[in-house]
Amino acid sequence: MSAEQNKALARRVLEEMFNKGNLDVADELLAPDYVDHDPAMPEDVHGPEGFKQYVGAYRSAFSDLHVQIEDQIAEEDKVVTRWTGTGTHDGELANIAPTGNRLTLPGMEIVRISGAKLVEGWEGYDSMNMMRQLGAI
């Protein structure tokens, strides 16, 4: 796939799953053995079903969740996306009761693509900043 096709695939995961809540698209866009590395999570996320649960948890905690793509860079089989996530904390997140606080969180991710599917992802965002905005710390 071309760099532009890879960027479109990475963008589609964010727009379809996080922004629109179309979690079933994970079966189309992620490889069966997909692995997502998020240092804020106790363990890696595995497969399309695991990623649906991961995204679903954030969508449940922030019903108006929106991920704005700020920049994308692609080279060979990897795409880097810089994003800003926003939402209102109106659902439970990691045992934190809804606060009603508005969240703005910048972050980045790197995804690796093979066979027109995401096979691996690395997340990067300031989880302490997120907890601070939620009033948890």
N, C-alpha and C. Protein backbone atom coordinates (compact mmCIF):
# COMPACT_ATOMS: atom_id res chain seq x y z
N MET A 1 0.84 -1.18 0.00
CA MET A 1 0.00 0.00 0.00
C MET A 1 0.88 1.24 0.00
N SER A 2 0.37 2.30 -0.58
CA SER A 2 1.11 3.56 -0.61
C SER A 2 1.04 4.24 0.75
N ALA A 3 1.90 5.24 0.94
CA ALA A 3 1.89 6.00 2.18
C ALA A 3 0.52 6.66 2.39
N GLU A 4 -0.08 7.18 1.33
CA GLU A 4 -1.38 7.83 1.45
C GLU A 4 -2.47 6.83 1.81
N GLN A 5 -2.41 5.62 1.27
CA GLN A 5 -3.38 4.58 1.61
C GLN A 5 -3.22 4.17 3.07
N ASN A 6 -1.98 4.07 3.53
CA ASN A 6 -1.73 3.73 4.93
C ASN A 6 -2.28 4.81 5.86
N LYS A 7 -2.05 6.07 5.50
CA LYS A 7 -2.57 7.18 6.32
C LYS A 7 -4.09 7.14 6.35
N ALA A 8 -4.72 6.86 5.23
CA ALA A 8 -6.18 6.80 5.18
C ALA A 8 -6.71 5.67 6.07
N LEU A 9 -6.02 4.55 6.09
CA LEU A 9 -6.42 3.42 6.93
C LEU A 9 -6.32 3.79 8.41
N ALA A 10 -5.21 4.38 8.81
CA ALA A 10 -5.02 4.80 10.20
C ALA A 10 -6.07 5.85 10.59
N ARG A 11 -6.34 6.77 9.69
CA ARG A 11 -7.33 7.83 9.93
C ARG A 11 -8.73 7.22 10.09
N ARG A 12 -9.02 6.21 9.28
CA ARG A 12 -10.34 5.59 9.32
C ARG A 12 -10.62 4.94 10.68
N VAL A 13 -9.62 4.31 11.27
CA VAL A 13 -9.80 3.71 12.60
C VAL A 13 -10.22 4.78 13.60
N LEU A 14 -9.53 5.91 13.60
CA LEU A 14 -9.86 6.98 14.55
C LEU A 14 -11.24 7.58 14.27
N GLU A 15 -11.51 7.87 13.01
CA GLU A 15 -12.77 8.53 12.67
C GLU A 15 -13.97 7.59 12.85
N GLU A 16 -13.87 6.38 12.36
CA GLU A 16 -15.00 5.44 12.42
C GLU A 16 -15.24 4.93 13.84
N MET A 17 -14.17 4.50 14.50
CA MET A 17 -14.35 3.85 15.80
C MET A 17 -14.49 4.87 16.93
N PHE A 18 -13.53 5.75 17.07
CA PHE A 18 -13.56 6.70 18.19
C PHE A 18 -14.63 7.77 17.99
N ASN A 19 -14.68 8.38 16.82
CA ASN A 19 -15.60 9.51 16.61
C ASN A 19 -17.03 9.07 16.35
N LYS A 20 -17.23 8.04 15.53
CA LYS A 20 -18.58 7.64 15.15
C LYS A 20 -19.11 6.47 15.97
N GLY A 21 -18.23 5.77 16.68
CA GLY A 21 -18.68 4.64 17.48
C GLY A 21 -18.98 3.39 16.69
N ASN A 22 -18.49 3.33 15.46
CA ASN A 22 -18.68 2.16 14.61
C ASN A 22 -17.62 1.12 14.98
N LEU A 23 -17.83 0.41 16.05
CA LEU A 23 -16.83 -0.52 16.56
C LEU A 23 -16.66 -1.75 15.68
N ASP A 24 -17.70 -2.14 14.96
CA ASP A 24 -17.63 -3.33 14.12
C ASP A 24 -16.63 -3.19 12.98
N VAL A 25 -16.24 -1.96 12.63
CA VAL A 25 -15.27 -1.76 11.56
C VAL A 25 -13.90 -2.32 11.95
N ALA A 26 -13.70 -2.60 13.23
CA ALA A 26 -12.42 -3.19 13.69
C ALA A 26 -12.16 -4.51 12.99
N ASP A 27 -13.22 -5.27 12.72
CA ASP A 27 -13.05 -6.56 12.05
C ASP A 27 -12.50 -6.40 10.64
N GLU A 28 -12.81 -5.29 10.01
CA GLU A 28 -12.34 -5.00 8.65
C GLU A 28 -10.95 -4.37 8.64
N LEU A 29 -10.64 -3.54 9.64
CA LEU A 29 -9.43 -2.72 9.61
C LEU A 29 -8.25 -3.27 10.41
N LEU A 30 -8.51 -4.17 11.35
CA LEU A 30 -7.45 -4.71 12.21
C LEU A 30 -7.24 -6.19 11.92
N ALA A 31 -5.97 -6.59 11.90
CA ALA A 31 -5.62 -8.00 11.72
C ALA A 31 -6.11 -8.80 12.92
N PRO A 32 -6.41 -10.09 12.73
CA PRO A 32 -6.87 -10.93 13.84
C PRO A 32 -5.88 -10.97 15.01
N ASP A 33 -4.58 -10.83 14.72
CA ASP A 33 -3.57 -10.87 15.78
C ASP A 33 -3.06 -9.47 16.14
N TYR A 34 -3.87 -8.45 15.87
CA TYR A 34 -3.51 -7.06 16.20
C TYR A 34 -3.14 -6.95 17.69
N VAL A 35 -2.11 -6.13 17.96
CA VAL A 35 -1.69 -5.84 19.34
C VAL A 35 -1.54 -4.33 19.48
N ASP A 36 -2.15 -3.79 20.53
CA ASP A 36 -2.04 -2.36 20.82
C ASP A 36 -1.33 -2.19 22.14
N HIS A 37 -0.31 -1.34 22.15
CA HIS A 37 0.49 -1.07 23.34
C HIS A 37 0.12 0.31 23.88
N ASP A 38 -0.50 0.35 25.03
CA ASP A 38 -0.86 1.60 25.68
C ASP A 38 -0.29 1.55 27.09
N PRO A 39 0.73 2.37 27.39
CA PRO A 39 1.37 2.27 28.70
C PRO A 39 0.43 2.58 29.86
N ALA A 40 -0.71 3.20 29.60
CA ALA A 40 -1.66 3.49 30.67
C ALA A 40 -2.54 2.28 30.99
N MET A 41 -2.47 1.25 30.16
CA MET A 41 -3.28 0.04 30.36
C MET A 41 -2.46 -1.01 31.10
N PRO A 42 -3.11 -1.85 31.91
CA PRO A 42 -2.36 -2.87 32.66
C PRO A 42 -1.74 -3.93 31.76
N GLU A 43 -2.29 -4.14 30.57
CA GLU A 43 -1.72 -5.10 29.62
C GLU A 43 -2.07 -4.69 28.20
N ASP A 44 -1.37 -5.26 27.24
CA ASP A 44 -1.63 -4.95 25.83
C ASP A 44 -3.04 -5.36 25.45
N VAL A 45 -3.57 -4.67 24.45
CA VAL A 45 -4.89 -4.97 23.89
C VAL A 45 -4.67 -5.90 22.71
N HIS A 46 -5.45 -6.99 22.63
CA HIS A 46 -5.25 -8.00 21.59
C HIS A 46 -6.48 -8.17 20.71
N GLY A 47 -6.23 -8.16 19.40
CA GLY A 47 -7.26 -8.48 18.41
C GLY A 47 -8.33 -7.43 18.26
N PRO A 48 -9.14 -7.58 17.22
CA PRO A 48 -10.24 -6.64 16.99
C PRO A 48 -11.22 -6.57 18.17
N GLU A 49 -11.53 -7.72 18.79
CA GLU A 49 -12.48 -7.71 19.92
C GLU A 49 -11.91 -6.93 21.10
N GLY A 50 -10.64 -7.13 21.40
CA GLY A 50 -10.02 -6.39 22.49
C GLY A 50 -10.00 -4.90 22.21
N PHE A 51 -9.75 -4.53 20.94
CA PHE A 51 -9.72 -3.10 20.59
C PHE A 51 -11.13 -2.50 20.63
N LYS A 52 -12.14 -3.28 20.28
CA LYS A 52 -13.52 -2.79 20.41
C LYS A 52 -13.82 -2.46 21.87
N GLN A 53 -13.38 -3.32 22.79
CA GLN A 53 -13.61 -3.07 24.21
C GLN A 53 -12.85 -1.83 24.68
N TYR A 54 -11.62 -1.68 24.20
CA TYR A 54 -10.77 -0.53 24.54
C TYR A 54 -11.45 0.77 24.11
N VAL A 55 -11.85 0.83 22.84
CA VAL A 55 -12.51 2.04 22.33
C VAL A 55 -13.85 2.23 23.03
N GLY A 56 -14.59 1.13 23.21
CA GLY A 56 -15.89 1.22 23.87
C GLY A 56 -15.81 1.80 25.27
N ALA A 57 -14.75 1.48 26.00
CA ALA A 57 -14.58 2.02 27.35
C ALA A 57 -14.44 3.54 27.31
N TYR A 58 -13.67 4.05 26.35
CA TYR A 58 -13.51 5.51 26.23
C TYR A 58 -14.80 6.16 25.74
N ARG A 59 -15.50 5.52 24.81
CA ARG A 59 -16.75 6.08 24.31
C ARG A 59 -17.83 6.07 25.40
N SER A 60 -17.80 5.08 26.29
CA SER A 60 -18.76 5.04 27.40
C SER A 60 -18.45 6.12 28.43
N ALA A 61 -17.17 6.41 28.62
CA ALA A 61 -16.76 7.42 29.60
C ALA A 61 -16.95 8.84 29.07
N PHE A 62 -16.86 9.00 27.75
CA PHE A 62 -16.98 10.32 27.11
C PHE A 62 -17.95 10.18 25.94
N SER A 63 -19.24 10.39 26.20
CA SER A 63 -20.25 10.14 25.17
C SER A 63 -20.10 11.08 23.96
N ASP A 64 -19.47 12.23 24.17
CA ASP A 64 -19.24 13.17 23.06
C ASP A 64 -17.78 13.14 22.60
N LEU A 65 -17.12 12.01 22.79
CA LEU A 65 -15.71 11.87 22.43
C LEU A 65 -15.47 12.25 20.97
N HIS A 66 -14.42 13.03 20.77
CA HIS A 66 -14.01 13.38 19.40
C HIS A 66 -12.48 13.41 19.35
N VAL A 67 -11.93 12.75 18.36
CA VAL A 67 -10.49 12.74 18.14
C VAL A 67 -10.22 13.53 16.86
N GLN A 68 -9.54 14.66 17.01
CA GLN A 68 -9.18 15.51 15.88
C GLN A 68 -7.77 15.15 15.43
N ILE A 69 -7.63 14.79 14.18
CA ILE A 69 -6.31 14.46 13.64
C ILE A 69 -5.61 15.77 13.28
N GLU A 70 -4.45 15.98 13.89
CA GLU A 70 -3.69 17.21 13.69
C GLU A 70 -2.64 17.05 12.60
N ASP A 71 -1.93 15.93 12.59
CA ASP A 71 -0.87 15.65 11.62
C ASP A 71 -0.76 14.15 11.40
N GLN A 72 -0.30 13.78 10.22
CA GLN A 72 0.03 12.38 9.95
C GLN A 72 1.29 12.33 9.10
N ILE A 73 2.13 11.37 9.42
CA ILE A 73 3.36 11.11 8.67
C ILE A 73 3.42 9.62 8.42
N ALA A 74 3.70 9.23 7.19
CA ALA A 74 3.78 7.81 6.86
C ALA A 74 5.11 7.52 6.18
N GLU A 75 5.67 6.37 6.54
CA GLU A 75 6.89 5.89 5.90
C GLU A 75 6.88 4.37 5.96
N GLU A 76 7.08 3.77 4.81
CA GLU A 76 7.06 2.32 4.67
C GLU A 76 5.77 1.76 5.28
N ASP A 77 5.86 0.91 6.30
CA ASP A 77 4.66 0.26 6.83
C ASP A 77 4.13 0.92 8.10
N LYS A 78 4.61 2.14 8.43
CA LYS A 78 4.18 2.80 9.66
C LYS A 78 3.55 4.17 9.38
N VAL A 79 2.58 4.50 10.24
CA VAL A 79 1.93 5.81 10.19
C VAL A 79 1.96 6.40 11.60
N VAL A 80 2.39 7.64 11.69
CA VAL A 80 2.37 8.39 12.95
C VAL A 80 1.25 9.42 12.85
N THR A 81 0.38 9.43 13.84
CA THR A 81 -0.72 10.39 13.86
C THR A 81 -0.65 11.17 15.16
N ARG A 82 -0.63 12.51 15.02
CA ARG A 82 -0.74 13.39 16.19
C ARG A 82 -2.19 13.82 16.26
N TRP A 83 -2.80 13.66 17.45
CA TRP A 83 -4.22 13.93 17.59
C TRP A 83 -4.52 14.72 18.87
N THR A 84 -5.72 15.27 18.92
CA THR A 84 -6.23 15.89 20.14
C THR A 84 -7.60 15.29 20.41
N GLY A 85 -7.75 14.68 21.56
CA GLY A 85 -9.03 14.11 21.96
C GLY A 85 -9.75 15.06 22.90
N THR A 86 -11.06 15.19 22.71
CA THR A 86 -11.89 16.01 23.59
C THR A 86 -13.14 15.23 23.96
N GLY A 87 -13.70 15.56 25.10
CA GLY A 87 -14.94 14.94 25.52
C GLY A 87 -15.32 15.35 26.92
N THR A 88 -16.56 15.07 27.26
CA THR A 88 -17.09 15.35 28.59
C THR A 88 -17.16 14.04 29.36
N HIS A 89 -16.57 14.02 30.53
CA HIS A 89 -16.52 12.80 31.34
C HIS A 89 -17.88 12.56 32.00
N ASP A 90 -18.75 11.86 31.27
CA ASP A 90 -20.11 11.61 31.75
C ASP A 90 -20.39 10.11 31.97
N GLY A 91 -19.33 9.31 31.99
CA GLY A 91 -19.45 7.89 32.27
C GLY A 91 -18.22 7.43 33.05
N GLU A 92 -18.28 6.27 33.65
CA GLU A 92 -17.16 5.76 34.45
C GLU A 92 -15.96 5.43 33.56
N LEU A 93 -14.78 5.77 34.06
CA LEU A 93 -13.53 5.44 33.37
C LEU A 93 -12.54 4.94 34.42
N ALA A 94 -12.08 3.71 34.28
CA ALA A 94 -11.09 3.14 35.19
C ALA A 94 -11.47 3.36 36.65
N ASN A 95 -12.70 3.05 36.99
CA ASN A 95 -13.23 3.18 38.35
C ASN A 95 -13.33 4.63 38.82
N ILE A 96 -13.29 5.58 37.90
CA ILE A 96 -13.49 6.99 38.24
C ILE A 96 -14.91 7.34 37.85
N ALA A 97 -15.72 7.70 38.83
CA ALA A 97 -17.12 8.07 38.59
C ALA A 97 -17.18 9.30 37.68
N PRO A 98 -18.25 9.44 36.92
CA PRO A 98 -18.39 10.61 36.05
C PRO A 98 -18.25 11.92 36.84
N THR A 99 -17.47 12.84 36.28
CA THR A 99 -17.24 14.13 36.93
C THR A 99 -17.92 15.29 36.23
N GLY A 100 -18.28 15.08 34.96
CA GLY A 100 -18.82 16.18 34.17
C GLY A 100 -17.74 17.10 33.65
N ASN A 101 -16.48 16.81 33.98
CA ASN A 101 -15.37 17.65 33.53
C ASN A 101 -15.15 17.50 32.04
N ARG A 102 -14.78 18.60 31.41
CA ARG A 102 -14.43 18.61 30.00
C ARG A 102 -12.95 18.28 29.89
N LEU A 103 -12.60 17.38 28.98
CA LEU A 103 -11.23 16.91 28.81
C LEU A 103 -10.70 17.33 27.44
N THR A 104 -9.48 17.81 27.41
CA THR A 104 -8.75 18.05 26.16
C THR A 104 -7.39 17.39 26.33
N LEU A 105 -7.11 16.39 25.50
CA LEU A 105 -5.91 15.59 25.68
C LEU A 105 -5.18 15.41 24.35
N PRO A 106 -3.98 15.97 24.23
CA PRO A 106 -3.18 15.70 23.03
C PRO A 106 -2.48 14.36 23.14
N GLY A 107 -2.25 13.73 22.01
CA GLY A 107 -1.55 12.46 22.01
C GLY A 107 -1.03 12.11 20.63
N MET A 108 -0.35 10.99 20.56
CA MET A 108 0.18 10.47 19.30
C MET A 108 0.05 8.97 19.29
N GLU A 109 0.01 8.41 18.10
CA GLU A 109 0.06 6.97 17.98
C GLU A 109 0.88 6.61 16.76
N ILE A 110 1.48 5.46 16.83
CA ILE A 110 2.18 4.88 15.68
C ILE A 110 1.49 3.56 15.40
N VAL A 111 1.14 3.33 14.14
CA VAL A 111 0.57 2.03 13.77
C VAL A 111 1.43 1.41 12.69
N ARG A 112 1.47 0.08 12.72
CA ARG A 112 2.16 -0.68 11.68
C ARG A 112 1.10 -1.42 10.87
N ILE A 113 1.27 -1.39 9.57
CA ILE A 113 0.27 -1.94 8.66
C ILE A 113 0.89 -3.05 7.82
N SER A 114 0.12 -4.12 7.65
CA SER A 114 0.54 -5.22 6.79
C SER A 114 -0.73 -5.84 6.19
N GLY A 115 -0.70 -6.11 4.89
CA GLY A 115 -1.85 -6.73 4.26
C GLY A 115 -3.10 -5.88 4.33
N ALA A 116 -2.96 -4.57 4.26
CA ALA A 116 -4.07 -3.60 4.29
C ALA A 116 -4.84 -3.63 5.62
N LYS A 117 -4.16 -4.03 6.70
CA LYS A 117 -4.77 -4.01 8.03
C LYS A 117 -3.74 -3.54 9.06
N LEU A 118 -4.23 -2.91 10.11
CA LEU A 118 -3.35 -2.57 11.22
C LEU A 118 -2.97 -3.85 11.95
N VAL A 119 -1.68 -4.02 12.21
CA VAL A 119 -1.22 -5.21 12.92
C VAL A 119 -0.63 -4.88 14.29
N GLU A 120 -0.25 -3.62 14.50
CA GLU A 120 0.32 -3.23 15.78
C GLU A 120 0.17 -1.73 15.96
N GLY A 121 -0.04 -1.31 17.21
CA GLY A 121 -0.16 0.10 17.51
C GLY A 121 0.53 0.45 18.81
N TRP A 122 1.05 1.65 18.87
CA TRP A 122 1.70 2.18 20.08
C TRP A 122 1.06 3.52 20.39
N GLU A 123 0.48 3.66 21.57
CA GLU A 123 -0.21 4.88 21.98
C GLU A 123 0.72 5.72 22.84
N GLY A 124 0.55 7.01 22.75
CA GLY A 124 1.33 7.92 23.58
C GLY A 124 0.52 9.15 23.94
N TYR A 125 0.19 9.28 25.22
CA TYR A 125 -0.51 10.46 25.72
C TYR A 125 -0.20 10.58 27.21
N ASP A 126 -0.43 11.75 27.74
CA ASP A 126 -0.09 12.03 29.13
C ASP A 126 -1.26 11.62 30.03
N SER A 127 -1.23 10.40 30.53
CA SER A 127 -2.34 9.90 31.36
C SER A 127 -2.45 10.69 32.67
N MET A 128 -1.34 11.21 33.18
CA MET A 128 -1.40 12.04 34.39
C MET A 128 -2.18 13.33 34.11
N ASN A 129 -1.97 13.92 32.94
CA ASN A 129 -2.72 15.10 32.53
C ASN A 129 -4.21 14.77 32.47
N MET A 130 -4.54 13.61 31.92
CA MET A 130 -5.93 13.20 31.83
C MET A 130 -6.53 13.05 33.23
N MET A 131 -5.83 12.38 34.12
CA MET A 131 -6.33 12.18 35.49
C MET A 131 -6.48 13.51 36.23
N ARG A 132 -5.57 14.43 35.96
CA ARG A 132 -5.66 15.76 36.57
C ARG A 132 -6.93 16.48 36.11
N GLN A 133 -7.19 16.42 34.80
CA GLN A 133 -8.38 17.09 34.26
C GLN A 133 -9.67 16.45 34.77
N LEU A 134 -9.62 15.16 35.08
CA LEU A 134 -10.79 14.48 35.62
C LEU A 134 -10.94 14.68 37.12
N GLY A 135 -9.93 15.31 37.73
CA GLY A 135 -9.99 15.56 39.16
C GLY A 135 -9.63 14.33 39.98
N ALA A 136 -9.06 13.32 39.35
CA ALA A 136 -8.69 12.09 40.05
C ALA A 136 -7.40 12.24 40.83
N ILE A 137 -6.57 13.20 40.45
CA ILE A 137 -5.32 13.49 41.19
C ILE A 137 -5.16 15.00 41.31
